[in-house]
């Protein structure tokens, strides 16, 4: 006779397969991990945790429809897991299903009103719905329960910039960047900082930020354009011309770069390809 508290064999096998799957994920053995997790679900179809793991793996590798199917099934099996509900909402939002994402955020908050990720999700939904004030209020609540969370701070900074509150945007970004080790700052935060400094007319500071970012993404046409613009505004026209040509090498049809090059009075470079429109050797404005 089994002991009264013994775990059923199928459940025990499922947990072991899930553990092996997690180990395979950590080792970067994605195909092996997927096979183990699918086997875990075959052994115990009602195990929500294994389906959640599989959903995350599938999502990371672009199988978004099946990932959503797996996590929705997991929620039906364990409808009280607020964290899993939030993750479902994040997937729904990424796939453009804003209404269902909002439902998931509200559902999760109904279970746990102190869950930062649920407040953050609802803030992101309201931002997508064009309601920045409601979005900011929810993100501020999220920050109360998870101080220093980088994703939350970044979303708040974006809203502050959209509302023209550039100094608050910079303060928020500085809080985010101060929590990062040197060299590990999110590129998107550094880019937003540079753009906000440009908004404030602090072109020298903006140029320093963009120069640092170019070391990370040397072939990003938009970044090169922003750098060239800051060089132009700080009276470095020759550097600006060189940089904007690099931007057009990365993307010959990048309109802002073409306009800046025309402003600089540089002739069209043949290397920008056949997409360049010219008149008298100059790029059209």
C-alpha atoms as a PDB file:
ATOM      1  CA  UNK A   1       0.000   0.000   0.000  1.00  0.00           C
ATOM      2  CA  UNK A   2       1.235   3.510  -0.779  1.00  0.00           C
ATOM      3  CA  UNK A   3       1.761   5.937   2.061  1.00  0.00           C
ATOM      4  CA  UNK A   4      -1.205   8.282   2.363  1.00  0.00           C
ATOM      5  CA  UNK A   5       0.962  11.333   1.521  1.00  0.00           C
ATOM      6  CA  UNK A   6       2.877   9.753  -1.358  1.00  0.00           C
ATOM      7  CA  UNK A   7       3.009  11.602  -4.678  1.00  0.00           C
ATOM      8  CA  UNK A   8       1.403   9.684  -7.567  1.00  0.00           C
ATOM      9  CA  UNK A   9       3.967   8.152  -9.890  1.00  0.00           C
ATOM     10  CA  UNK A  10       2.817  10.186 -12.912  1.00  0.00           C
ATOM     11  CA  UNK A  11       3.189  13.438 -11.003  1.00  0.00           C
ATOM     12  CA  UNK A  12       6.621  12.456  -9.722  1.00  0.00           C
ATOM     13  CA  UNK A  13       7.752  11.548 -13.236  1.00  0.00           C
ATOM     14  CA  UNK A  14       6.368  14.815 -14.591  1.00  0.00           C
ATOM     15  CA  UNK A  15       8.255  16.848 -12.002  1.00  0.00           C
ATOM     16  CA  UNK A  16      11.488  15.019 -12.773  1.00  0.00           C
ATOM     17  CA  UNK A  17      11.075  15.615 -16.504  1.00  0.00           C
ATOM     18  CA  UNK A  18      10.312  19.283 -15.839  1.00  0.00           C
ATOM     19  CA  UNK A  19      13.432  19.565 -13.698  1.00  0.00           C
ATOM     20  CA  UNK A  20      15.501  18.025 -16.470  1.00  0.00           C
ATOM     21  CA  UNK A  21      13.889  20.395 -18.945  1.00  0.00           C
ATOM     22  CA  UNK A  22      14.839  23.407 -16.819  1.00  0.00           C
ATOM     23  CA  UNK A  23      18.415  22.127 -16.630  1.00  0.00           C
ATOM     24  CA  UNK A  24      18.502  21.757 -20.413  1.00  0.00           C
ATOM     25  CA  UNK A  25      17.254  25.334 -20.818  1.00  0.00           C
ATOM     26  CA  UNK A  26      20.043  26.614 -18.570  1.00  0.00           C
ATOM     27  CA  UNK A  27      22.531  24.704 -20.708  1.00  0.00           C
ATOM     28  CA  UNK A  28      21.114  26.200 -23.905  1.00  0.00           C
ATOM     29  CA  UNK A  29      19.876  22.814 -25.137  1.00  0.00           C
ATOM     30  CA  UNK A  30      16.586  24.141 -26.441  1.00  0.00           C
ATOM     31  CA  UNK A  31      15.452  21.134 -28.488  1.00  0.00           C
ATOM     32  CA  UNK A  32      16.209  18.760 -25.648  1.00  0.00           C
ATOM     33  CA  UNK A  33      14.368  20.998 -23.205  1.00  0.00           C
ATOM     34  CA  UNK A  34      11.301  21.187 -25.431  1.00  0.00           C
ATOM     35  CA  UNK A  35      11.235  17.397 -25.802  1.00  0.00           C
ATOM     36  CA  UNK A  36      11.492  16.865 -22.043  1.00  0.00           C
ATOM     37  CA  UNK A  37       8.737  19.360 -21.280  1.00  0.00           C
ATOM     38  CA  UNK A  38       6.422  17.880 -23.892  1.00  0.00           C
ATOM     39  CA  UNK A  39       7.067  14.441 -22.376  1.00  0.00           C
ATOM     40  CA  UNK A  40       6.260  15.851 -18.935  1.00  0.00           C
ATOM     41  CA  UNK A  41       2.898  17.053 -20.210  1.00  0.00           C
ATOM     42  CA  UNK A  42       2.186  13.663 -21.801  1.00  0.00           C
ATOM     43  CA  UNK A  43       2.907  11.969 -18.476  1.00  0.00           C
ATOM     44  CA  UNK A  44       0.754  14.420 -16.496  1.00  0.00           C
ATOM     45  CA  UNK A  45      -1.515  16.540 -18.732  1.00  0.00           C
ATOM     46  CA  UNK A  46      -2.939  18.436 -15.755  1.00  0.00           C
ATOM     47  CA  UNK A  47       0.426  19.768 -14.560  1.00  0.00           C
ATOM     48  CA  UNK A  48       0.196  23.537 -14.937  1.00  0.00           C
ATOM     49  CA  UNK A  49       3.841  24.224 -14.088  1.00  0.00           C
ATOM     50  CA  UNK A  50       5.174  22.112 -16.960  1.00  0.00           C
ATOM     51  CA  UNK A  51       2.872  23.834 -19.422  1.00  0.00           C
ATOM     52  CA  UNK A  52       4.012  27.216 -18.102  1.00  0.00           C
ATOM     53  CA  UNK A  53       7.650  26.231 -18.616  1.00  0.00           C
ATOM     54  CA  UNK A  54       6.914  25.018 -22.121  1.00  0.00           C
ATOM     55  CA  UNK A  55       5.007  28.212 -22.904  1.00  0.00           C
ATOM     56  CA  UNK A  56       8.002  30.339 -21.928  1.00  0.00           C
ATOM     57  CA  UNK A  57      10.363  28.211 -24.013  1.00  0.00           C
ATOM     58  CA  UNK A  58       8.096  28.393 -27.050  1.00  0.00           C
ATOM     59  CA  UNK A  59       7.648  32.151 -26.651  1.00  0.00           C
ATOM     60  CA  UNK A  60      11.379  32.757 -26.541  1.00  0.00           C
ATOM     61  CA  UNK A  61      11.771  30.881 -29.815  1.00  0.00           C
ATOM     62  CA  UNK A  62       8.996  32.592 -31.715  1.00  0.00           C
ATOM     63  CA  UNK A  63       6.225  29.967 -31.478  1.00  0.00           C
ATOM     64  CA  UNK A  64       3.917  32.569 -29.984  1.00  0.00           C
ATOM     65  CA  UNK A  65       0.562  31.040 -30.858  1.00  0.00           C
ATOM     66  CA  UNK A  66       1.379  27.710 -29.257  1.00  0.00           C
ATOM     67  CA  UNK A  67       3.018  29.461 -26.311  1.00  0.00           C
ATOM     68  CA  UNK A  68      -0.203  31.349 -25.649  1.00  0.00           C
ATOM     69  CA  UNK A  69      -2.217  28.147 -26.001  1.00  0.00           C
ATOM     70  CA  UNK A  70      -0.022  26.391 -23.440  1.00  0.00           C
ATOM     71  CA  UNK A  71      -0.140  29.186 -20.887  1.00  0.00           C
ATOM     72  CA  UNK A  72      -3.899  29.598 -21.259  1.00  0.00           C
ATOM     73  CA  UNK A  73      -4.276  25.880 -20.628  1.00  0.00           C
ATOM     74  CA  UNK A  74      -2.018  26.197 -17.584  1.00  0.00           C
ATOM     75  CA  UNK A  75      -4.237  28.978 -16.207  1.00  0.00           C
ATOM     76  CA  UNK A  76      -7.336  26.830 -16.604  1.00  0.00           C
ATOM     77  CA  UNK A  77      -5.537  24.156 -14.583  1.00  0.00           C
ATOM     78  CA  UNK A  78      -4.350  26.617 -11.927  1.00  0.00           C
ATOM     79  CA  UNK A  79      -6.592  29.674 -12.038  1.00  0.00           C
ATOM     80  CA  UNK A  80      -5.213  31.216  -8.834  1.00  0.00           C
ATOM     81  CA  UNK A  81      -1.620  31.745  -9.954  1.00  0.00           C
ATOM     82  CA  UNK A  82      -1.495  35.541 -10.336  1.00  0.00           C
ATOM     83  CA  UNK A  83       2.055  35.573 -11.708  1.00  0.00           C
ATOM     84  CA  UNK A  84       1.110  33.166 -14.487  1.00  0.00           C
ATOM     85  CA  UNK A  85      -1.983  35.248 -15.245  1.00  0.00           C
ATOM     86  CA  UNK A  86       0.178  38.352 -15.633  1.00  0.00           C
ATOM     87  CA  UNK A  87       2.537  36.524 -17.972  1.00  0.00           C
ATOM     88  CA  UNK A  88      -0.416  35.513 -20.103  1.00  0.00           C
ATOM     89  CA  UNK A  89      -1.473  39.160 -20.224  1.00  0.00           C
ATOM     90  CA  UNK A  90       2.007  40.215 -21.295  1.00  0.00           C
ATOM     91  CA  UNK A  91       1.899  37.730 -24.152  1.00  0.00           C
ATOM     92  CA  UNK A  92      -1.565  38.902 -25.173  1.00  0.00           C
ATOM     93  CA  UNK A  93      -0.435  42.520 -25.156  1.00  0.00           C
ATOM     94  CA  UNK A  94       2.609  41.676 -27.286  1.00  0.00           C
ATOM     95  CA  UNK A  95       0.292  40.006 -29.790  1.00  0.00           C
ATOM     96  CA  UNK A  96      -1.997  43.036 -29.916  1.00  0.00           C
ATOM     97  CA  UNK A  97      -4.925  41.661 -27.914  1.00  0.00           C
ATOM     98  CA  UNK A  98      -5.210  44.701 -25.660  1.00  0.00           C
ATOM     99  CA  UNK A  99      -8.686  43.985 -24.250  1.00  0.00           C
ATOM    100  CA  UNK A 100      -7.794  40.503 -23.036  1.00  0.00           C
ATOM    101  CA  UNK A 101      -4.488  41.771 -21.679  1.00  0.00           C
ATOM    102  CA  UNK A 102      -6.416  44.307 -19.574  1.00  0.00           C
ATOM    103  CA  UNK A 103      -8.705  41.538 -18.343  1.00  0.00           C
ATOM    104  CA  UNK A 104      -5.678  39.517 -17.256  1.00  0.00           C
ATOM    105  CA  UNK A 105      -4.165  42.492 -15.411  1.00  0.00           C
ATOM    106  CA  UNK A 106      -7.407  43.130 -13.525  1.00  0.00           C
ATOM    107  CA  UNK A 107      -7.792  39.416 -12.793  1.00  0.00           C
ATOM    108  CA  UNK A 108      -4.281  39.210 -11.333  1.00  0.00           C
ATOM    109  CA  UNK A 109      -4.813  42.324  -9.212  1.00  0.00           C
ATOM    110  CA  UNK A 110      -7.991  40.747  -7.890  1.00  0.00           C
ATOM    111  CA  UNK A 111      -5.866  37.922  -6.492  1.00  0.00           C
ATOM    112  CA  UNK A 112      -2.899  40.036  -5.366  1.00  0.00           C
ATOM    113  CA  UNK A 113      -3.211  43.814  -5.190  1.00  0.00           C
ATOM    114  CA  UNK A 114       0.474  44.137  -4.279  1.00  0.00           C
ATOM    115  CA  UNK A 115       1.787  42.350  -7.354  1.00  0.00           C
ATOM    116  CA  UNK A 116       4.066  44.839  -9.119  1.00  0.00           C
ATOM    117  CA  UNK A 117       4.012  43.004 -12.445  1.00  0.00           C
ATOM    118  CA  UNK A 118       0.206  43.208 -12.562  1.00  0.00           C
ATOM    119  CA  UNK A 119       0.225  46.974 -12.016  1.00  0.00           C
ATOM    120  CA  UNK A 120       2.981  47.307 -14.609  1.00  0.00           C
ATOM    121  CA  UNK A 121       1.004  45.264 -17.128  1.00  0.00           C
ATOM    122  CA  UNK A 122      -2.083  47.416 -16.643  1.00  0.00           C
ATOM    123  CA  UNK A 123       0.058  50.522 -17.025  1.00  0.00           C
ATOM    124  CA  UNK A 124       1.436  49.186 -20.309  1.00  0.00           C
ATOM    125  CA  UNK A 125      -2.090  48.441 -21.501  1.00  0.00           C
ATOM    126  CA  UNK A 126      -3.279  51.970 -20.739  1.00  0.00           C
ATOM    127  CA  UNK A 127      -0.227  53.345 -22.520  1.00  0.00           C
ATOM    128  CA  UNK A 128      -1.205  51.333 -25.611  1.00  0.00           C
ATOM    129  CA  UNK A 129      -4.765  52.666 -25.249  1.00  0.00           C
ATOM    130  CA  UNK A 130      -3.498  56.257 -25.343  1.00  0.00           C
ATOM    131  CA  UNK A 131      -4.237  56.976 -21.687  1.00  0.00           C
ATOM    132  CA  UNK A 132      -0.830  58.115 -20.348  1.00  0.00           C
ATOM    133  CA  UNK A 133      -2.131  59.515 -17.061  1.00  0.00           C
ATOM    134  CA  UNK A 134      -3.761  56.228 -16.078  1.00  0.00           C
ATOM    135  CA  UNK A 135      -0.698  54.373 -17.325  1.00  0.00           C
ATOM    136  CA  UNK A 136       1.624  56.503 -15.204  1.00  0.00           C
ATOM    137  CA  UNK A 137      -0.541  56.068 -12.104  1.00  0.00           C
ATOM    138  CA  UNK A 138      -0.408  52.279 -12.439  1.00  0.00           C
ATOM    139  CA  UNK A 139       3.335  52.273 -13.113  1.00  0.00           C
ATOM    140  CA  UNK A 140       3.899  54.383 -10.025  1.00  0.00           C
ATOM    141  CA  UNK A 141       1.932  51.828  -8.014  1.00  0.00           C
ATOM    142  CA  UNK A 142       4.055  49.071  -9.526  1.00  0.00           C
ATOM    143  CA  UNK A 143       7.201  50.922  -8.481  1.00  0.00           C
ATOM    144  CA  UNK A 144       5.931  51.115  -4.908  1.00  0.00           C
ATOM    145  CA  UNK A 145       5.869  47.326  -4.715  1.00  0.00           C
ATOM    146  CA  UNK A 146       9.058  46.790  -6.744  1.00  0.00           C
ATOM    147  CA  UNK A 147      11.394  49.776  -6.239  1.00  0.00           C
ATOM    148  CA  UNK A 148      14.085  50.152  -8.855  1.00  0.00           C
ATOM    149  CA  UNK A 149      12.503  47.750 -11.378  1.00  0.00           C
ATOM    150  CA  UNK A 150      14.168  48.714 -14.643  1.00  0.00           C
ATOM    151  CA  UNK A 151      11.291  47.939 -17.004  1.00  0.00           C
ATOM    152  CA  UNK A 152       8.896  50.016 -14.921  1.00  0.00           C
ATOM    153  CA  UNK A 153      11.287  52.951 -14.730  1.00  0.00           C
ATOM    154  CA  UNK A 154      11.827  52.833 -18.484  1.00  0.00           C
ATOM    155  CA  UNK A 155       8.084  52.878 -19.216  1.00  0.00           C
ATOM    156  CA  UNK A 156       7.659  55.833 -16.862  1.00  0.00           C
ATOM    157  CA  UNK A 157      10.505  57.702 -18.549  1.00  0.00           C
ATOM    158  CA  UNK A 158       8.884  57.160 -21.954  1.00  0.00           C
ATOM    159  CA  UNK A 159       5.635  58.675 -20.691  1.00  0.00           C
ATOM    160  CA  UNK A 160       7.389  61.662 -19.108  1.00  0.00           C
ATOM    161  CA  UNK A 161       9.120  62.402 -22.420  1.00  0.00           C
ATOM    162  CA  UNK A 162       5.880  62.049 -24.356  1.00  0.00           C
ATOM    163  CA  UNK A 163       4.274  64.565 -21.997  1.00  0.00           C
ATOM    164  CA  UNK A 164       7.156  66.996 -22.381  1.00  0.00           C
ATOM    165  CA  UNK A 165       8.406  66.481 -18.829  1.00  0.00           C
ATOM    166  CA  UNK A 166      12.000  66.116 -19.950  1.00  0.00           C
ATOM    167  CA  UNK A 167      13.669  66.744 -16.608  1.00  0.00           C
ATOM    168  CA  UNK A 168      11.513  64.117 -14.888  1.00  0.00           C
ATOM    169  CA  UNK A 169      12.350  61.763 -17.739  1.00  0.00           C
ATOM    170  CA  UNK A 170      16.075  62.314 -17.168  1.00  0.00           C
ATOM    171  CA  UNK A 171      15.739  61.873 -13.402  1.00  0.00           C
ATOM    172  CA  UNK A 172      13.884  58.587 -13.893  1.00  0.00           C
ATOM    173  CA  UNK A 173      16.450  57.345 -16.394  1.00  0.00           C
ATOM    174  CA  UNK A 174      19.289  58.283 -14.060  1.00  0.00           C
ATOM    175  CA  UNK A 175      17.668  56.211 -11.320  1.00  0.00           C
ATOM    176  CA  UNK A 176      17.511  53.298 -13.742  1.00  0.00           C
ATOM    177  CA  UNK A 177      21.075  53.693 -15.030  1.00  0.00           C
ATOM    178  CA  UNK A 178      22.550  54.126 -11.555  1.00  0.00           C
ATOM    179  CA  UNK A 179      21.324  50.635 -10.681  1.00  0.00           C
ATOM    180  CA  UNK A 180      23.290  49.092 -13.581  1.00  0.00           C
ATOM    181  CA  UNK A 181      26.874  47.941 -13.606  1.00  0.00           C
ATOM    182  CA  UNK A 182      29.138  49.873 -16.013  1.00  0.00           C
ATOM    183  CA  UNK A 183      28.675  48.545 -19.527  1.00  0.00           C
ATOM    184  CA  UNK A 184      25.412  46.774 -18.674  1.00  0.00           C
ATOM    185  CA  UNK A 185      23.091  49.740 -19.063  1.00  0.00           C
ATOM    186  CA  UNK A 186      20.129  48.969 -21.382  1.00  0.00           C
ATOM    187  CA  UNK A 187      20.807  50.496 -24.785  1.00  0.00           C
ATOM    188  CA  UNK A 188      17.194  51.628 -25.077  1.00  0.00           C
ATOM    189  CA  UNK A 189      17.557  53.643 -21.852  1.00  0.00           C
ATOM    190  CA  UNK A 190      20.775  55.273 -23.044  1.00  0.00           C
ATOM    191  CA  UNK A 191      19.158  56.115 -26.375  1.00  0.00           C
ATOM    192  CA  UNK A 192      16.144  57.662 -24.651  1.00  0.00           C
ATOM    193  CA  UNK A 193      18.485  59.672 -22.429  1.00  0.00           C
ATOM    194  CA  UNK A 194      20.334  60.994 -25.471  1.00  0.00           C
ATOM    195  CA  UNK A 195      17.090  61.912 -27.229  1.00  0.00           C
ATOM    196  CA  UNK A 196      15.809  63.714 -24.132  1.00  0.00           C
ATOM    197  CA  UNK A 197      19.060  65.650 -23.773  1.00  0.00           C
ATOM    198  CA  UNK A 198      18.591  66.674 -27.415  1.00  0.00           C
ATOM    199  CA  UNK A 199      15.048  67.804 -26.611  1.00  0.00           C
ATOM    200  CA  UNK A 200      16.513  70.053 -23.903  1.00  0.00           C
ATOM    201  CA  UNK A 201      19.132  71.470 -26.259  1.00  0.00           C
ATOM    202  CA  UNK A 202      21.959  69.840 -24.322  1.00  0.00           C
ATOM    203  CA  UNK A 203      23.661  68.778 -27.525  1.00  0.00           C
ATOM    204  CA  UNK A 204      27.153  68.184 -26.111  1.00  0.00           C
ATOM    205  CA  UNK A 205      25.781  65.761 -23.513  1.00  0.00           C
ATOM    206  CA  UNK A 206      23.596  64.088 -26.139  1.00  0.00           C
ATOM    207  CA  UNK A 207      26.591  63.642 -28.440  1.00  0.00           C
ATOM    208  CA  UNK A 208      28.532  61.894 -25.673  1.00  0.00           C
ATOM    209  CA  UNK A 209      25.661  59.455 -25.128  1.00  0.00           C
ATOM    210  CA  UNK A 210      25.295  58.698 -28.827  1.00  0.00           C
ATOM    211  CA  UNK A 211      29.043  58.209 -29.265  1.00  0.00           C
ATOM    212  CA  UNK A 212      29.032  55.639 -26.474  1.00  0.00           C
ATOM    213  CA  UNK A 213      26.057  53.857 -27.994  1.00  0.00           C
ATOM    214  CA  UNK A 214      27.709  53.669 -31.422  1.00  0.00           C
ATOM    215  CA  UNK A 215      30.291  51.329 -29.908  1.00  0.00           C
ATOM    216  CA  UNK A 216      27.465  48.868 -29.223  1.00  0.00           C
ATOM    217  CA  UNK A 217      25.453  49.217 -32.427  1.00  0.00           C
ATOM    218  CA  UNK A 218      27.720  50.693 -35.112  1.00  0.00           C
ATOM    219  CA  UNK A 219      25.320  49.985 -38.012  1.00  0.00           C
ATOM    220  CA  UNK A 220      22.109  51.441 -36.569  1.00  0.00           C
ATOM    221  CA  UNK A 221      20.972  54.108 -39.055  1.00  0.00           C
ATOM    222  CA  UNK A 222      18.727  55.952 -36.611  1.00  0.00           C
ATOM    223  CA  UNK A 223      21.422  56.122 -33.937  1.00  0.00           C
ATOM    224  CA  UNK A 224      23.978  57.343 -36.474  1.00  0.00           C
ATOM    225  CA  UNK A 225      21.542  60.008 -37.606  1.00  0.00           C
ATOM    226  CA  UNK A 226      21.023  61.180 -34.029  1.00  0.00           C
ATOM    227  CA  UNK A 227      24.772  61.307 -33.514  1.00  0.00           C
ATOM    228  CA  UNK A 228      25.254  63.246 -36.744  1.00  0.00           C
ATOM    229  CA  UNK A 229      22.535  65.689 -35.708  1.00  0.00           C
ATOM    230  CA  UNK A 230      24.226  66.293 -32.361  1.00  0.00           C
ATOM    231  CA  UNK A 231      27.570  66.768 -34.110  1.00  0.00           C
ATOM    232  CA  UNK A 232      25.991  69.292 -36.460  1.00  0.00           C
ATOM    233  CA  UNK A 233      24.423  71.170 -33.538  1.00  0.00           C
ATOM    234  CA  UNK A 234      27.753  71.302 -31.675  1.00  0.00           C
ATOM    235  CA  UNK A 235      29.579  72.816 -34.660  1.00  0.00           C
ATOM    236  CA  UNK A 236      31.286  69.652 -35.909  1.00  0.00           C
ATOM    237  CA  UNK A 237      30.038  69.690 -39.518  1.00  0.00           C
ATOM    238  CA  UNK A 238      32.755  67.457 -40.936  1.00  0.00           C
ATOM    239  CA  UNK A 239      32.102  64.752 -38.326  1.00  0.00           C
ATOM    240  CA  UNK A 240      28.371  65.145 -38.912  1.00  0.00           C
ATOM    241  CA  UNK A 241      28.816  64.650 -42.663  1.00  0.00           C
ATOM    242  CA  UNK A 242      30.905  61.517 -42.140  1.00  0.00           C
ATOM    243  CA  UNK A 243      28.462  60.073 -39.618  1.00  0.00           C
ATOM    244  CA  UNK A 244      25.390  60.742 -41.735  1.00  0.00           C
ATOM    245  CA  UNK A 245      27.079  59.017 -44.671  1.00  0.00           C
ATOM    246  CA  UNK A 246      27.577  56.008 -42.382  1.00  0.00           C
ATOM    247  CA  UNK A 247      23.869  56.142 -41.560  1.00  0.00           C
ATOM    248  CA  UNK A 248      23.026  56.023 -45.259  1.00  0.00           C
ATOM    249  CA  UNK A 249      25.403  53.125 -45.786  1.00  0.00           C
ATOM    250  CA  UNK A 250      23.423  51.271 -43.113  1.00  0.00           C
ATOM    251  CA  UNK A 251      20.087  52.296 -44.640  1.00  0.00           C
ATOM    252  CA  UNK A 252      20.112  54.143 -47.940  1.00  0.00           C
ATOM    253  CA  UNK A 253      16.447  55.148 -47.640  1.00  0.00           C
ATOM    254  CA  UNK A 254      16.672  56.627 -44.126  1.00  0.00           C
ATOM    255  CA  UNK A 255      14.813  59.878 -44.731  1.00  0.00           C
ATOM    256  CA  UNK A 256      16.035  61.935 -41.728  1.00  0.00           C
ATOM    257  CA  UNK A 257      19.638  61.179 -42.678  1.00  0.00           C
ATOM    258  CA  UNK A 258      19.057  62.194 -46.272  1.00  0.00           C
ATOM    259  CA  UNK A 259      17.518  65.470 -45.138  1.00  0.00           C
ATOM    260  CA  UNK A 260      20.422  66.176 -42.781  1.00  0.00           C
ATOM    261  CA  UNK A 261      22.948  65.430 -45.506  1.00  0.00           C
ATOM    262  CA  UNK A 262      21.159  67.877 -47.791  1.00  0.00           C
ATOM    263  CA  UNK A 263      21.297  70.485 -45.031  1.00  0.00           C
ATOM    264  CA  UNK A 264      25.031  69.903 -44.710  1.00  0.00           C
ATOM    265  CA  UNK A 265      25.394  70.494 -48.454  1.00  0.00           C
ATOM    266  CA  UNK A 266      27.180  67.189 -49.079  1.00  0.00           C
ATOM    267  CA  UNK A 267      26.943  65.514 -52.516  1.00  0.00           C
ATOM    268  CA  UNK A 268      25.105  62.259 -52.787  1.00  0.00           C
ATOM    269  CA  UNK A 269      27.381  59.292 -52.159  1.00  0.00           C
ATOM    270  CA  UNK A 270      27.224  56.636 -54.828  1.00  0.00           C
ATOM    271  CA  UNK A 271      27.525  54.062 -52.058  1.00  0.00           C
ATOM    272  CA  UNK A 272      24.043  54.881 -50.825  1.00  0.00           C
ATOM    273  CA  UNK A 273      22.638  52.828 -53.676  1.00  0.00           C
ATOM    274  CA  UNK A 274      19.896  53.247 -56.191  1.00  0.00           C
ATOM    275  CA  UNK A 275      17.269  54.336 -53.655  1.00  0.00           C
ATOM    276  CA  UNK A 276      18.892  57.795 -53.327  1.00  0.00           C
ATOM    277  CA  UNK A 277      17.004  60.514 -55.174  1.00  0.00           C
ATOM    278  CA  UNK A 278      19.271  63.233 -56.479  1.00  0.00           C
ATOM    279  CA  UNK A 279      19.032  66.549 -58.221  1.00  0.00           C
ATOM    280  CA  UNK A 280      22.201  68.190 -59.477  1.00  0.00           C
ATOM    281  CA  UNK A 281      24.292  65.840 -57.339  1.00  0.00           C
ATOM    282  CA  UNK A 282      22.434  66.817 -54.133  1.00  0.00           C
ATOM    283  CA  UNK A 283      20.007  64.797 -52.041  1.00  0.00           C
ATOM    284  CA  UNK A 284      16.484  66.163 -52.194  1.00  0.00           C
ATOM    285  CA  UNK A 285      15.132  67.679 -49.013  1.00  0.00           C
END
